[in-house]
C-alpha cells in the first residue's frame, strides 16, 4: 500500500509550542479489502534530528554526553541520561553538517570523517520525527568538561569511556539509554573492526 491508500478527512493544529500537535481524521484501505472507519489520531510534529556516536579508533573509546531529559524524569527513570550527541535539523540543512555543528556545541570537539549509520523513525505511531544516525571520528584525548548553549538551556557533561564498557552498560540495563543511542552504538559495534582498520591508517 502507498500514501494513495489513505484519505485525510481533516487536519487541525491542536497545540503550538516547542512541539506541535495536529489532530488527523482519516481512513485507510484494509488488507482484507475496503476501507477503515474514520479514525482520529493525534500526531506530534517535532522536526527531524541527528544522532552521532563519537569514536576514537586509536583509543578504542567513545565520547558520550550526559544531560537532563524531562521524558526520562516523567517516566520514573533517572532524569540525567547518557547519550550520543544529537540535535535537530533545521529547514534546508544537511544532516552531516548538523552533526558537525552539534559535536562542536555539545563536546567542543572537531570531527574528522563522518559515516552514515542508518535512519529510523522515532515513534511512527505518534510523531513524524526521523533520526539520521552517524559515527564520527574524533580524538578523545582532550574530551571532557561542561558544554552546550546556555540560551537553549543546555547543561551537558562530556564523558569518555572504553567502547566495550560503554556498550555493555547500555545493554545490561545499568543505563536506560535513548533508543537512537543504542542503535548508533550497536551499528558501531557491528562495523568497529572495519572502521578501526580504515581510520587508523589515515592521518
N, C-alpha and C. Protein backbone atom coordinates (compact mmCIF):
# COMPACT_ATOMS: atom_id res chain seq x y z
N UNK A 1 0.83 -1.20 0.00
CA UNK A 1 0.00 0.00 0.00
C UNK A 1 0.87 1.26 0.00
N UNK A 2 0.30 2.36 -0.45
CA UNK A 2 1.03 3.63 -0.56
C UNK A 2 0.23 4.75 0.08
N UNK A 3 0.77 5.97 -0.01
CA UNK A 3 0.04 7.14 0.52
C UNK A 3 -1.30 7.33 -0.16
N UNK A 4 -1.43 6.84 -1.38
CA UNK A 4 -2.70 6.97 -2.09
C UNK A 4 -3.81 6.14 -1.46
N UNK A 5 -3.45 5.23 -0.56
CA UNK A 5 -4.42 4.39 0.11
C UNK A 5 -4.86 4.98 1.44
N UNK A 6 -4.59 6.26 1.64
CA UNK A 6 -5.02 6.99 2.84
C UNK A 6 -5.84 8.19 2.40
N UNK A 7 -6.96 8.42 3.05
CA UNK A 7 -7.79 9.59 2.78
C UNK A 7 -7.85 10.46 4.03
N UNK A 8 -7.36 11.70 3.92
CA UNK A 8 -7.40 12.64 5.04
C UNK A 8 -8.73 13.37 5.01
N UNK A 9 -9.52 13.19 6.05
CA UNK A 9 -10.82 13.87 6.15
C UNK A 9 -10.62 15.29 6.67
N UNK A 10 -9.77 15.45 7.68
CA UNK A 10 -9.48 16.78 8.21
C UNK A 10 -8.17 16.73 8.99
N UNK A 11 -7.55 17.90 9.13
CA UNK A 11 -6.34 18.05 9.93
C UNK A 11 -6.41 19.38 10.64
N UNK A 12 -6.22 19.37 11.97
CA UNK A 12 -6.35 20.60 12.74
C UNK A 12 -5.22 20.70 13.76
N UNK A 13 -4.55 21.84 13.81
CA UNK A 13 -3.49 22.07 14.80
C UNK A 13 -4.13 22.29 16.16
N UNK A 14 -3.78 21.43 17.11
CA UNK A 14 -4.36 21.48 18.45
C UNK A 14 -3.46 22.17 19.46
N UNK A 15 -2.14 22.18 19.19
CA UNK A 15 -1.21 22.82 20.12
C UNK A 15 0.00 23.30 19.35
N UNK A 16 0.50 24.48 19.72
CA UNK A 16 1.69 25.05 19.09
C UNK A 16 2.62 25.55 20.18
N UNK A 17 3.79 24.94 20.30
CA UNK A 17 4.78 25.36 21.28
C UNK A 17 6.13 24.86 20.83
N UNK A 18 6.96 24.37 21.79
CA UNK A 18 8.22 23.74 21.40
C UNK A 18 7.93 22.57 20.48
N UNK A 19 6.81 21.91 20.72
CA UNK A 19 6.29 20.86 19.86
C UNK A 19 4.96 21.30 19.30
N UNK A 20 4.58 20.75 18.15
CA UNK A 20 3.25 20.98 17.62
C UNK A 20 2.46 19.68 17.63
N UNK A 21 1.16 19.77 17.91
CA UNK A 21 0.32 18.59 17.90
C UNK A 21 -0.85 18.83 16.96
N UNK A 22 -0.97 17.95 15.97
CA UNK A 22 -2.07 18.00 15.00
C UNK A 22 -3.04 16.85 15.25
N UNK A 23 -4.32 17.12 15.03
CA UNK A 23 -5.31 16.05 15.08
C UNK A 23 -5.74 15.73 13.65
N UNK A 24 -5.57 14.48 13.26
CA UNK A 24 -5.99 14.00 11.95
C UNK A 24 -7.26 13.18 12.10
N UNK A 25 -8.19 13.35 11.16
CA UNK A 25 -9.29 12.42 10.99
C UNK A 25 -9.09 11.81 9.60
N UNK A 26 -8.98 10.49 9.56
CA UNK A 26 -8.59 9.82 8.32
C UNK A 26 -9.20 8.43 8.24
N UNK A 27 -9.10 7.87 7.06
CA UNK A 27 -9.39 6.45 6.88
C UNK A 27 -8.38 5.89 5.89
N UNK A 28 -8.20 4.56 5.93
CA UNK A 28 -7.22 3.93 5.04
C UNK A 28 -7.74 2.58 4.56
N UNK A 29 -7.15 2.13 3.47
CA UNK A 29 -7.54 0.84 2.92
C UNK A 29 -7.13 -0.28 3.89
N UNK A 30 -7.89 -1.37 3.88
CA UNK A 30 -7.64 -2.52 4.74
C UNK A 30 -7.00 -3.65 3.93
N UNK A 31 -6.20 -4.46 4.59
CA UNK A 31 -5.57 -5.60 3.92
C UNK A 31 -6.61 -6.55 3.35
N UNK A 32 -7.73 -6.69 4.02
CA UNK A 32 -8.77 -7.62 3.57
C UNK A 32 -9.67 -7.00 2.50
N UNK A 33 -9.41 -5.74 2.16
CA UNK A 33 -10.24 -5.03 1.18
C UNK A 33 -11.15 -4.02 1.85
N UNK A 34 -11.57 -3.02 1.09
CA UNK A 34 -12.43 -1.98 1.63
C UNK A 34 -11.64 -0.95 2.41
N UNK A 35 -12.38 -0.14 3.18
CA UNK A 35 -11.78 0.97 3.92
C UNK A 35 -12.07 0.87 5.41
N UNK A 36 -11.17 1.42 6.21
CA UNK A 36 -11.40 1.51 7.65
C UNK A 36 -12.47 2.55 7.94
N UNK A 37 -13.05 2.53 9.14
CA UNK A 37 -13.88 3.67 9.53
C UNK A 37 -13.01 4.91 9.69
N UNK A 38 -13.61 6.08 9.80
CA UNK A 38 -12.84 7.30 10.03
C UNK A 38 -12.23 7.24 11.42
N UNK A 39 -10.92 7.42 11.48
CA UNK A 39 -10.16 7.34 12.72
C UNK A 39 -9.66 8.71 13.14
N UNK A 40 -9.54 8.94 14.43
CA UNK A 40 -8.96 10.17 14.95
C UNK A 40 -7.59 9.83 15.53
N UNK A 41 -6.56 10.56 15.07
CA UNK A 41 -5.20 10.32 15.52
C UNK A 41 -4.50 11.64 15.82
N UNK A 42 -3.86 11.75 17.00
CA UNK A 42 -3.04 12.92 17.33
C UNK A 42 -1.60 12.63 16.90
N UNK A 43 -0.95 13.63 16.33
CA UNK A 43 0.40 13.46 15.81
C UNK A 43 1.29 14.62 16.25
N UNK A 44 2.42 14.28 16.85
CA UNK A 44 3.36 15.31 17.30
C UNK A 44 4.31 15.68 16.16
N UNK A 45 4.41 16.97 15.87
CA UNK A 45 5.34 17.48 14.87
C UNK A 45 6.53 18.10 15.60
N UNK A 46 7.68 17.44 15.49
CA UNK A 46 8.86 17.90 16.21
C UNK A 46 9.99 18.27 15.27
N UNK A 47 9.92 17.87 14.02
CA UNK A 47 11.03 18.06 13.11
C UNK A 47 11.86 16.80 13.02
N UNK A 48 13.07 16.91 12.48
CA UNK A 48 13.94 15.76 12.26
C UNK A 48 15.29 16.01 12.93
N UNK A 49 16.02 14.94 13.21
CA UNK A 49 17.20 15.06 14.06
C UNK A 49 18.34 14.18 13.58
N UNK A 50 19.51 14.38 14.21
CA UNK A 50 20.67 13.51 14.00
C UNK A 50 21.09 12.93 15.35
N UNK A 51 21.70 11.75 15.30
CA UNK A 51 22.32 11.12 16.46
C UNK A 51 23.72 10.69 16.01
N UNK A 52 24.75 11.05 16.79
CA UNK A 52 26.13 10.80 16.36
C UNK A 52 26.93 10.14 17.47
N UNK A 53 27.45 8.95 17.19
CA UNK A 53 28.40 8.30 18.10
C UNK A 53 29.79 8.82 17.77
N UNK A 54 30.52 9.30 18.76
CA UNK A 54 31.87 9.83 18.56
C UNK A 54 32.86 8.74 18.95
N UNK A 55 33.68 8.34 18.00
CA UNK A 55 34.56 7.20 18.20
C UNK A 55 36.02 7.57 17.95
N UNK A 56 36.88 7.20 18.90
CA UNK A 56 38.32 7.39 18.76
C UNK A 56 38.93 6.02 18.47
N UNK A 57 39.34 5.75 17.23
CA UNK A 57 39.82 4.41 16.89
C UNK A 57 41.16 4.07 17.54
N UNK A 58 41.98 5.07 17.80
CA UNK A 58 43.28 4.80 18.41
C UNK A 58 43.13 4.34 19.85
N UNK A 59 42.22 4.99 20.59
CA UNK A 59 41.99 4.63 21.99
C UNK A 59 40.90 3.58 22.15
N UNK A 60 40.19 3.28 21.06
CA UNK A 60 39.02 2.39 21.09
C UNK A 60 38.03 2.84 22.16
N UNK A 61 37.73 4.13 22.13
CA UNK A 61 36.83 4.70 23.12
C UNK A 61 35.76 5.54 22.44
N UNK A 62 34.69 5.78 23.17
CA UNK A 62 33.60 6.62 22.67
C UNK A 62 33.45 7.84 23.57
N UNK A 63 33.04 8.93 22.96
CA UNK A 63 32.73 10.15 23.70
C UNK A 63 31.21 10.26 23.75
N UNK A 64 30.68 10.30 24.95
CA UNK A 64 29.24 10.39 25.17
C UNK A 64 28.94 11.67 25.95
N UNK A 65 27.66 12.01 26.00
CA UNK A 65 27.25 13.19 26.76
C UNK A 65 26.17 12.80 27.77
N UNK A 66 26.07 13.61 28.82
CA UNK A 66 25.06 13.38 29.85
C UNK A 66 24.30 14.68 30.08
N UNK A 67 22.96 14.60 30.08
CA UNK A 67 22.15 15.79 30.29
C UNK A 67 20.77 15.41 30.81
N UNK A 68 20.07 16.41 31.36
CA UNK A 68 18.72 16.20 31.90
C UNK A 68 17.72 16.02 30.78
N UNK A 69 16.81 15.04 30.96
CA UNK A 69 15.75 14.77 29.99
C UNK A 69 14.41 14.66 30.72
N UNK A 70 13.47 15.55 30.34
CA UNK A 70 12.18 15.59 31.01
C UNK A 70 11.39 14.29 30.80
N UNK A 71 11.53 13.67 29.63
CA UNK A 71 10.81 12.42 29.38
C UNK A 71 11.26 11.31 30.31
N UNK A 72 12.56 11.24 30.56
CA UNK A 72 13.08 10.24 31.49
C UNK A 72 12.57 10.51 32.90
N UNK A 73 12.59 11.77 33.31
CA UNK A 73 12.10 12.14 34.64
C UNK A 73 10.63 11.77 34.81
N UNK A 74 9.79 12.15 33.83
CA UNK A 74 8.36 11.93 33.94
C UNK A 74 8.00 10.45 33.91
N UNK A 75 8.86 9.61 33.30
CA UNK A 75 8.58 8.18 33.22
C UNK A 75 9.11 7.42 34.43
N UNK A 76 9.75 8.12 35.37
CA UNK A 76 10.25 7.47 36.57
C UNK A 76 11.65 6.92 36.44
N UNK A 77 12.32 7.21 35.31
CA UNK A 77 13.70 6.77 35.13
C UNK A 77 14.66 7.86 35.58
N UNK A 78 15.95 7.52 35.77
CA UNK A 78 16.92 8.56 36.12
C UNK A 78 16.90 9.67 35.08
N UNK A 79 16.71 10.93 35.49
CA UNK A 79 16.50 12.00 34.52
C UNK A 79 17.75 12.49 33.82
N UNK A 80 18.95 12.21 34.36
CA UNK A 80 20.18 12.56 33.65
C UNK A 80 20.59 11.34 32.84
N UNK A 81 20.52 11.48 31.51
CA UNK A 81 20.74 10.36 30.62
C UNK A 81 22.07 10.48 29.89
N UNK A 82 22.74 9.34 29.72
CA UNK A 82 23.96 9.27 28.92
C UNK A 82 23.57 8.91 27.50
N UNK A 83 24.00 9.73 26.55
CA UNK A 83 23.54 9.60 25.17
C UNK A 83 24.66 9.90 24.18
N UNK A 84 24.37 9.63 22.92
CA UNK A 84 25.18 10.16 21.84
C UNK A 84 24.87 11.65 21.65
N UNK A 85 25.77 12.35 21.01
CA UNK A 85 25.49 13.72 20.58
C UNK A 85 24.27 13.69 19.66
N UNK A 86 23.39 14.68 19.80
CA UNK A 86 22.19 14.72 18.95
C UNK A 86 21.75 16.16 18.79
N UNK A 87 20.94 16.41 17.75
CA UNK A 87 20.43 17.75 17.53
C UNK A 87 19.41 17.78 16.42
N UNK A 88 18.67 18.86 16.36
CA UNK A 88 17.60 19.00 15.38
C UNK A 88 18.13 19.55 14.06
N UNK A 89 17.56 19.06 12.98
CA UNK A 89 17.90 19.51 11.63
C UNK A 89 16.96 20.64 11.24
N UNK A 90 17.51 21.79 10.93
CA UNK A 90 16.69 22.91 10.51
C UNK A 90 16.29 22.81 9.06
N UNK A 91 15.32 23.61 8.62
CA UNK A 91 14.89 23.59 7.22
C UNK A 91 16.05 23.81 6.26
N UNK A 92 16.21 22.91 5.30
CA UNK A 92 17.25 23.05 4.29
C UNK A 92 18.64 22.66 4.74
N UNK A 93 18.83 22.23 5.98
CA UNK A 93 20.15 21.88 6.48
C UNK A 93 20.56 20.48 6.05
N UNK A 94 21.86 20.29 5.84
CA UNK A 94 22.41 18.98 5.53
C UNK A 94 22.66 18.23 6.84
N UNK A 95 22.17 16.99 6.98
CA UNK A 95 22.33 16.27 8.24
C UNK A 95 23.78 16.10 8.69
N UNK A 96 24.71 15.90 7.76
CA UNK A 96 26.11 15.74 8.14
C UNK A 96 26.66 17.04 8.73
N UNK A 97 26.29 18.17 8.15
CA UNK A 97 26.75 19.45 8.69
C UNK A 97 26.12 19.73 10.05
N UNK A 98 24.86 19.31 10.22
CA UNK A 98 24.23 19.43 11.53
C UNK A 98 24.99 18.59 12.55
N UNK A 99 25.38 17.38 12.16
CA UNK A 99 26.15 16.51 13.05
C UNK A 99 27.44 17.21 13.48
N UNK A 100 28.16 17.81 12.53
CA UNK A 100 29.41 18.51 12.86
C UNK A 100 29.15 19.66 13.84
N UNK A 101 28.10 20.42 13.58
CA UNK A 101 27.77 21.55 14.45
C UNK A 101 27.46 21.09 15.87
N UNK A 102 26.64 20.06 15.97
CA UNK A 102 26.25 19.58 17.29
C UNK A 102 27.42 18.99 18.05
N UNK A 103 28.35 18.35 17.35
CA UNK A 103 29.55 17.83 18.01
C UNK A 103 30.35 18.97 18.63
N UNK A 104 30.51 20.07 17.88
CA UNK A 104 31.25 21.23 18.42
C UNK A 104 30.52 21.83 19.62
N UNK A 105 29.20 22.01 19.49
CA UNK A 105 28.44 22.68 20.54
C UNK A 105 28.35 21.83 21.81
N UNK A 106 28.21 20.53 21.66
CA UNK A 106 27.93 19.68 22.83
C UNK A 106 29.17 19.06 23.45
N UNK A 107 30.31 19.04 22.71
CA UNK A 107 31.53 18.43 23.25
C UNK A 107 32.76 19.31 23.11
N UNK A 108 32.73 20.30 22.25
CA UNK A 108 33.91 21.11 21.98
C UNK A 108 34.90 20.46 21.04
N UNK A 109 34.57 19.28 20.51
CA UNK A 109 35.47 18.56 19.62
C UNK A 109 35.19 18.89 18.16
N UNK A 110 36.20 18.69 17.32
CA UNK A 110 36.05 18.83 15.88
C UNK A 110 36.12 17.43 15.28
N UNK A 111 35.08 17.06 14.55
CA UNK A 111 35.00 15.71 13.99
C UNK A 111 35.84 15.58 12.74
N UNK A 112 36.38 14.39 12.54
CA UNK A 112 37.02 14.04 11.29
C UNK A 112 35.96 13.45 10.36
N UNK A 113 36.26 12.29 9.80
CA UNK A 113 35.32 11.66 8.87
C UNK A 113 34.03 11.25 9.60
N UNK A 114 32.92 11.41 8.91
CA UNK A 114 31.61 11.00 9.45
C UNK A 114 31.00 10.00 8.49
N UNK A 115 30.55 8.87 9.02
CA UNK A 115 29.92 7.84 8.20
C UNK A 115 28.49 7.62 8.66
N UNK A 116 27.64 7.31 7.69
CA UNK A 116 26.22 7.09 7.99
C UNK A 116 26.00 5.74 8.66
N UNK A 117 25.12 5.73 9.67
CA UNK A 117 24.82 4.50 10.40
C UNK A 117 23.34 4.13 10.32
N UNK A 118 22.59 4.77 9.42
CA UNK A 118 21.20 4.41 9.25
C UNK A 118 20.25 5.56 9.51
N UNK A 119 18.98 5.27 9.35
CA UNK A 119 17.92 6.25 9.57
C UNK A 119 16.69 5.53 10.09
N UNK A 120 16.00 6.13 11.05
CA UNK A 120 14.83 5.47 11.62
C UNK A 120 13.84 6.51 12.11
N UNK A 121 12.60 6.10 12.26
CA UNK A 121 11.57 6.98 12.83
C UNK A 121 11.58 6.83 14.35
N UNK A 122 11.38 7.95 15.03
CA UNK A 122 11.42 7.93 16.49
C UNK A 122 10.27 7.12 17.08
N UNK A 123 9.06 7.38 16.64
CA UNK A 123 7.87 6.68 17.14
C UNK A 123 6.76 6.90 16.13
N UNK A 124 6.69 6.08 15.07
CA UNK A 124 5.79 6.38 13.95
C UNK A 124 4.31 6.35 14.29
N UNK A 125 3.97 5.80 15.45
CA UNK A 125 2.56 5.84 15.85
C UNK A 125 2.13 7.19 16.38
N UNK A 126 3.11 8.09 16.67
CA UNK A 126 2.71 9.34 17.29
C UNK A 126 3.49 10.57 16.89
N UNK A 127 4.54 10.42 16.04
CA UNK A 127 5.31 11.59 15.63
C UNK A 127 5.89 11.38 14.24
N UNK A 128 6.13 12.48 13.54
CA UNK A 128 6.73 12.43 12.21
C UNK A 128 8.25 12.40 12.27
N UNK A 129 8.84 12.53 13.45
CA UNK A 129 10.29 12.70 13.57
C UNK A 129 11.06 11.50 13.02
N UNK A 130 12.07 11.80 12.20
CA UNK A 130 13.05 10.81 11.78
C UNK A 130 14.42 11.22 12.32
N UNK A 131 15.28 10.23 12.52
CA UNK A 131 16.62 10.49 13.05
C UNK A 131 17.65 9.86 12.12
N UNK A 132 18.57 10.69 11.61
CA UNK A 132 19.70 10.21 10.83
C UNK A 132 20.83 9.91 11.80
N UNK A 133 21.35 8.68 11.73
CA UNK A 133 22.38 8.24 12.66
C UNK A 133 23.74 8.19 11.96
N UNK A 134 24.78 8.61 12.70
CA UNK A 134 26.13 8.68 12.16
C UNK A 134 27.14 8.21 13.20
N UNK A 135 28.34 7.88 12.71
CA UNK A 135 29.51 7.68 13.57
C UNK A 135 30.59 8.64 13.08
N UNK A 136 31.17 9.40 14.01
CA UNK A 136 32.18 10.39 13.66
C UNK A 136 33.51 10.04 14.31
N UNK A 137 34.58 10.23 13.56
CA UNK A 137 35.92 10.02 14.10
C UNK A 137 36.35 11.25 14.88
N UNK A 138 36.83 11.02 16.11
CA UNK A 138 37.31 12.12 16.94
C UNK A 138 38.59 11.70 17.66
N UNK A 139 39.31 12.68 18.17
CA UNK A 139 40.42 12.46 19.08
C UNK A 139 39.89 12.74 20.48
N UNK A 140 39.77 11.68 21.28
CA UNK A 140 39.14 11.81 22.60
C UNK A 140 40.12 12.22 23.69
N UNK A 141 41.38 12.45 23.35
CA UNK A 141 42.40 12.69 24.38
C UNK A 141 42.16 13.97 25.17
N UNK A 142 41.47 14.93 24.58
CA UNK A 142 41.20 16.18 25.29
C UNK A 142 39.71 16.38 25.56
N UNK A 143 38.92 15.33 25.42
CA UNK A 143 37.48 15.46 25.63
C UNK A 143 37.15 15.52 27.11
N UNK A 144 36.15 16.32 27.43
CA UNK A 144 35.70 16.44 28.81
C UNK A 144 35.08 17.80 29.05
N UNK A 145 34.68 18.05 30.26
CA UNK A 145 34.15 19.36 30.62
C UNK A 145 32.64 19.46 30.45
N UNK A 146 32.16 20.70 30.63
CA UNK A 146 30.74 21.02 30.52
C UNK A 146 30.54 21.88 29.29
N UNK A 147 29.55 21.54 28.48
CA UNK A 147 29.33 22.22 27.22
C UNK A 147 27.84 22.47 27.01
N UNK A 148 27.50 23.00 25.82
CA UNK A 148 26.12 23.29 25.48
C UNK A 148 25.88 24.79 25.36
N UNK A 149 24.73 25.13 24.80
CA UNK A 149 24.36 26.53 24.60
C UNK A 149 23.47 26.99 25.75
N UNK A 150 23.95 27.99 26.48
CA UNK A 150 23.20 28.47 27.65
C UNK A 150 21.82 29.00 27.26
N UNK A 151 21.73 29.69 26.10
CA UNK A 151 20.44 30.27 25.72
C UNK A 151 19.42 29.21 25.33
N UNK A 152 19.88 27.96 25.11
CA UNK A 152 18.96 26.85 24.86
C UNK A 152 18.74 26.00 26.10
N UNK A 153 19.28 26.45 27.23
CA UNK A 153 19.10 25.72 28.48
C UNK A 153 19.91 24.44 28.55
N UNK A 154 20.99 24.35 27.77
CA UNK A 154 21.78 23.13 27.74
C UNK A 154 22.84 23.13 28.84
N UNK A 155 22.96 22.01 29.52
CA UNK A 155 23.97 21.79 30.55
C UNK A 155 24.46 20.37 30.34
N UNK A 156 25.53 20.23 29.54
CA UNK A 156 25.94 18.93 29.01
C UNK A 156 27.33 18.56 29.53
N UNK A 157 27.40 17.40 30.17
CA UNK A 157 28.69 16.88 30.64
C UNK A 157 29.22 15.86 29.64
N UNK A 158 30.50 15.96 29.32
CA UNK A 158 31.13 15.07 28.36
C UNK A 158 31.85 13.93 29.09
N UNK A 159 31.63 12.72 28.60
CA UNK A 159 32.22 11.52 29.19
C UNK A 159 33.02 10.77 28.12
N UNK A 160 34.13 10.16 28.51
CA UNK A 160 34.92 9.31 27.62
C UNK A 160 35.00 7.93 28.26
N UNK A 161 34.62 6.91 27.50
CA UNK A 161 34.60 5.55 28.05
C UNK A 161 35.14 4.56 27.02
N UNK A 162 35.79 3.47 27.49
CA UNK A 162 36.16 2.40 26.57
C UNK A 162 34.91 1.88 25.87
N UNK A 163 35.04 1.57 24.59
CA UNK A 163 33.85 1.19 23.82
C UNK A 163 33.14 0.00 24.43
N UNK A 164 33.86 -1.07 24.74
CA UNK A 164 33.22 -2.28 25.26
C UNK A 164 32.47 -2.01 26.55
N UNK A 165 33.05 -1.22 27.43
CA UNK A 165 32.41 -0.91 28.71
C UNK A 165 31.14 -0.09 28.50
N UNK A 166 31.21 0.88 27.59
CA UNK A 166 30.03 1.71 27.32
C UNK A 166 28.90 0.88 26.76
N UNK A 167 29.20 0.03 25.78
CA UNK A 167 28.15 -0.77 25.16
C UNK A 167 27.55 -1.74 26.17
N UNK A 168 28.38 -2.39 26.98
CA UNK A 168 27.88 -3.33 27.97
C UNK A 168 26.97 -2.65 28.98
N UNK A 169 27.31 -1.42 29.38
CA UNK A 169 26.50 -0.70 30.36
C UNK A 169 25.11 -0.39 29.84
N UNK A 170 25.00 -0.11 28.54
CA UNK A 170 23.68 0.14 27.96
C UNK A 170 22.86 -1.13 27.88
N UNK A 171 23.48 -2.24 27.49
CA UNK A 171 22.73 -3.45 27.22
C UNK A 171 22.50 -4.32 28.44
N UNK A 172 23.24 -4.09 29.54
CA UNK A 172 22.97 -4.90 30.73
C UNK A 172 21.94 -4.26 31.65
N UNK A 173 21.39 -3.13 31.22
CA UNK A 173 20.32 -2.50 31.99
C UNK A 173 20.80 -1.52 33.04
N UNK A 174 22.12 -1.33 33.18
CA UNK A 174 22.60 -0.39 34.19
C UNK A 174 22.43 1.06 33.76
N UNK A 175 22.14 1.25 32.47
CA UNK A 175 21.79 2.57 31.97
C UNK A 175 20.54 2.44 31.12
N UNK A 176 19.61 3.34 31.30
CA UNK A 176 18.43 3.40 30.45
C UNK A 176 18.74 4.41 29.36
N UNK A 177 19.16 3.93 28.20
CA UNK A 177 19.59 4.83 27.14
C UNK A 177 18.49 5.14 26.15
N UNK A 178 18.67 6.23 25.43
CA UNK A 178 17.74 6.54 24.35
C UNK A 178 17.88 5.49 23.25
N UNK A 179 16.80 5.25 22.55
CA UNK A 179 16.80 4.21 21.52
C UNK A 179 17.83 4.50 20.44
N UNK A 180 18.02 5.77 20.08
CA UNK A 180 18.94 6.09 19.00
C UNK A 180 20.39 6.00 19.44
N UNK A 181 20.66 6.23 20.72
CA UNK A 181 22.00 5.96 21.23
C UNK A 181 22.30 4.47 21.13
N UNK A 182 21.34 3.64 21.53
CA UNK A 182 21.54 2.19 21.46
C UNK A 182 21.74 1.73 20.02
N UNK A 183 20.92 2.24 19.10
CA UNK A 183 21.04 1.83 17.71
C UNK A 183 22.35 2.28 17.09
N UNK A 184 22.77 3.51 17.40
CA UNK A 184 24.01 4.02 16.82
C UNK A 184 25.21 3.27 17.36
N UNK A 185 25.22 3.00 18.67
CA UNK A 185 26.32 2.24 19.25
C UNK A 185 26.34 0.80 18.74
N UNK A 186 25.16 0.23 18.53
CA UNK A 186 25.12 -1.13 18.01
C UNK A 186 25.66 -1.18 16.58
N UNK A 187 25.33 -0.17 15.76
CA UNK A 187 25.91 -0.11 14.42
C UNK A 187 27.43 -0.03 14.51
N UNK A 188 27.92 0.80 15.44
CA UNK A 188 29.36 0.91 15.62
C UNK A 188 29.96 -0.43 16.03
N UNK A 189 29.28 -1.16 16.90
CA UNK A 189 29.79 -2.47 17.32
C UNK A 189 29.93 -3.41 16.13
N UNK A 190 28.97 -3.38 15.23
CA UNK A 190 28.99 -4.27 14.07
C UNK A 190 30.06 -3.87 13.05
N UNK A 191 30.41 -2.58 13.02
CA UNK A 191 31.33 -2.08 12.00
C UNK A 191 32.65 -1.58 12.57
N UNK A 192 32.86 -1.80 13.84
CA UNK A 192 34.01 -1.22 14.54
C UNK A 192 35.35 -1.71 14.00
N UNK A 193 35.47 -3.00 13.74
CA UNK A 193 36.74 -3.53 13.25
C UNK A 193 37.12 -2.90 11.92
N UNK A 194 36.14 -2.80 11.01
CA UNK A 194 36.40 -2.20 9.70
C UNK A 194 36.75 -0.72 9.84
N UNK A 195 36.05 -0.01 10.72
CA UNK A 195 36.34 1.41 10.91
C UNK A 195 37.73 1.61 11.49
N UNK A 196 38.11 0.80 12.46
CA UNK A 196 39.44 0.95 13.05
C UNK A 196 40.53 0.71 11.99
N UNK A 197 40.34 -0.31 11.19
CA UNK A 197 41.30 -0.59 10.13
C UNK A 197 41.41 0.58 9.17
N UNK A 198 40.26 1.14 8.81
CA UNK A 198 40.21 2.25 7.85
C UNK A 198 40.78 3.53 8.45
N UNK A 199 40.35 3.89 9.65
CA UNK A 199 40.71 5.17 10.23
C UNK A 199 42.12 5.19 10.81
N UNK A 200 42.60 4.07 11.32
CA UNK A 200 43.92 4.06 11.92
C UNK A 200 45.04 4.16 10.89
N UNK A 201 44.69 3.91 9.62
CA UNK A 201 45.70 4.03 8.56
C UNK A 201 45.72 5.42 7.95
N UNK A 202 44.84 6.31 8.46
CA UNK A 202 44.79 7.68 7.94
C UNK A 202 45.31 8.65 8.98
N UNK A 203 45.86 9.78 8.53
CA UNK A 203 46.36 10.77 9.49
C UNK A 203 45.22 11.44 10.23
